Amino acid sequence: MPATVTSGHPYPRRGEIYLVQLDKRRPALIISTDALNRHALDVCVVPITGVEHKTFSLRIPLRAGEAGLHSSSCAKCDQVTTIEKSLLVYPPIGRLSRSTLRQVEQAIKLALDLA
């Protein structure tokens, strides 16, 4: 199902969470910069899963209720991917706190050996 852009929010913002169709319909965190998000046809996202890996440090835990998530989840920072903006379901379900977004950024740096 294609997304429709709502007036007043014409593009996804870094830190927002949207429902997307990846391997299945799931939430995903927008991680690309707002400058790219505004003009590009695609965005970089981190998929979010309900499957918890306690010993896997590249998965950042997200509490139920945080950023509109209905259940405890994990940001899969080892699986950064790019998708077309048309796969986003508007409006976003929520936005991560600045501190949680920083944790995600650090895990992505580790996953990509950018530290």
Protein backbone atom coordinates (compact mmCIF):
# COMPACT_ATOMS: atom_id res chain seq x y z
CA MET A 1 0.00 0.00 0.00
CA PRO A 2 1.63 3.31 -1.03
CA ALA A 3 2.12 6.01 1.55
CA THR A 4 0.43 9.35 1.29
CA VAL A 5 2.19 12.49 2.37
CA THR A 6 0.20 14.61 4.75
CA SER A 7 0.33 18.39 4.54
CA GLY A 8 2.48 19.99 7.20
CA HIS A 9 4.76 16.94 7.33
CA PRO A 10 6.00 16.47 3.75
CA TYR A 11 8.97 14.21 4.49
CA PRO A 12 10.18 11.76 7.15
CA ARG A 13 12.47 13.14 9.86
CA ARG A 14 15.51 11.53 11.45
CA GLY A 15 14.48 9.77 14.66
CA GLU A 16 10.87 9.10 13.60
CA ILE A 17 9.45 5.61 13.47
CA TYR A 18 7.18 4.52 10.60
CA LEU A 19 5.49 1.30 9.67
CA VAL A 20 7.13 -0.15 6.54
CA GLN A 21 6.95 -3.30 4.45
CA LEU A 22 10.35 -5.02 4.66
CA ASP A 23 10.52 -8.80 5.15
CA LYS A 24 7.15 -8.24 6.82
CA ARG A 25 5.23 -5.18 7.99
CA ARG A 26 7.23 -3.75 10.86
CA PRO A 27 8.27 -0.46 12.41
CA ALA A 28 11.50 1.13 11.22
CA LEU A 29 13.53 4.07 12.48
CA ILE A 30 14.50 6.83 10.03
CA ILE A 31 18.26 7.32 10.41
CA SER A 32 19.21 9.36 7.31
CA THR A 33 19.63 13.12 7.65
CA ASP A 34 16.69 15.47 7.19
CA ALA A 35 18.45 17.18 4.26
CA LEU A 36 18.49 13.86 2.36
CA ASN A 37 15.04 12.87 3.61
CA ARG A 38 13.56 16.06 2.20
CA HIS A 39 14.95 15.64 -1.35
CA ALA A 40 15.83 11.98 -1.97
CA LEU A 41 13.38 9.34 -3.15
CA ASP A 42 14.63 6.93 -0.50
CA VAL A 43 15.62 6.94 3.18
CA CYS A 44 17.97 4.95 5.40
CA VAL A 45 16.20 3.00 8.13
CA VAL A 46 16.95 0.67 11.01
CA PRO A 47 14.36 -2.13 11.25
CA ILE A 48 12.71 -2.71 14.63
CA THR A 49 11.94 -6.21 15.90
CA GLY A 50 10.08 -7.72 18.81
CA VAL A 51 12.66 -10.54 19.02
CA GLU A 52 15.15 -9.74 21.76
CA HIS A 53 18.84 -10.79 21.63
CA LYS A 54 20.11 -10.19 25.16
CA THR A 55 23.74 -10.95 24.27
CA PHE A 56 23.70 -9.02 20.99
CA SER A 57 25.01 -5.50 21.71
CA LEU A 58 24.07 -4.09 18.30
CA ARG A 59 20.35 -4.34 19.10
CA ILE A 60 19.19 -1.38 21.17
CA PRO A 61 16.22 -2.14 23.45
CA LEU A 62 13.14 0.06 23.09
CA ARG A 63 10.49 0.07 25.82
CA ALA A 64 6.81 -0.50 25.15
CA GLY A 65 5.22 2.93 24.80
CA GLU A 66 8.44 4.58 23.63
CA ALA A 67 7.99 6.37 20.31
CA GLY A 68 4.54 4.86 19.82
CA LEU A 69 5.70 1.23 20.02
CA HIS A 70 3.05 -1.12 21.42
CA SER A 71 5.48 -3.70 22.81
CA SER A 72 9.09 -3.96 23.94
CA SER A 73 11.30 -4.09 20.86
CA CYS A 74 14.87 -3.75 19.63
CA ALA A 75 16.40 -1.52 16.95
CA LYS A 76 18.38 -3.83 14.64
CA CYS A 77 21.43 -1.57 14.24
CA ASP A 78 23.31 -4.32 12.39
CA GLN A 79 20.75 -4.17 9.56
CA VAL A 80 20.75 -0.58 8.32
CA THR A 81 19.01 -0.52 4.95
CA THR A 82 17.68 1.92 2.36
CA ILE A 83 14.07 1.90 1.21
CA GLU A 84 11.91 4.04 -1.05
CA LYS A 85 9.91 6.68 0.79
CA SER A 86 6.79 5.33 -0.91
CA LEU A 87 7.02 2.27 1.41
CA LEU A 88 6.50 4.44 4.51
CA VAL A 89 3.02 4.48 6.03
CA TYR A 90 2.22 8.06 7.08
CA PRO A 91 1.94 9.49 9.66
CA PRO A 92 4.88 8.30 11.79
CA ILE A 93 3.92 6.25 14.84
CA GLY A 94 6.34 8.16 17.04
CA ARG A 95 9.79 9.63 17.61
CA LEU A 96 12.74 8.31 19.63
CA SER A 97 14.15 10.37 22.48
CA ARG A 98 17.44 12.10 21.80
CA SER A 99 19.28 9.79 24.24
CA THR A 100 17.92 6.59 22.66
CA LEU A 101 18.72 7.91 19.18
CA ARG A 102 22.33 8.47 20.34
CA GLN A 103 22.51 4.84 21.52
CA VAL A 104 21.29 3.70 18.10
CA GLU A 105 23.87 5.91 16.36
CA GLN A 106 26.68 4.43 18.48
CA ALA A 107 25.56 0.87 17.72
CA ILE A 108 25.44 1.65 13.98
CA LYS A 109 28.99 3.03 14.16
CA LEU A 110 30.12 -0.22 15.79
CA ALA A 111 28.25 -2.36 13.26
CA LEU A 112 29.86 -0.48 10.35
CA ASP A 113 33.27 -0.09 12.02
CA LEU A 114 33.02 3.69 11.94
CA ALA A 115 33.99 4.29 15.59
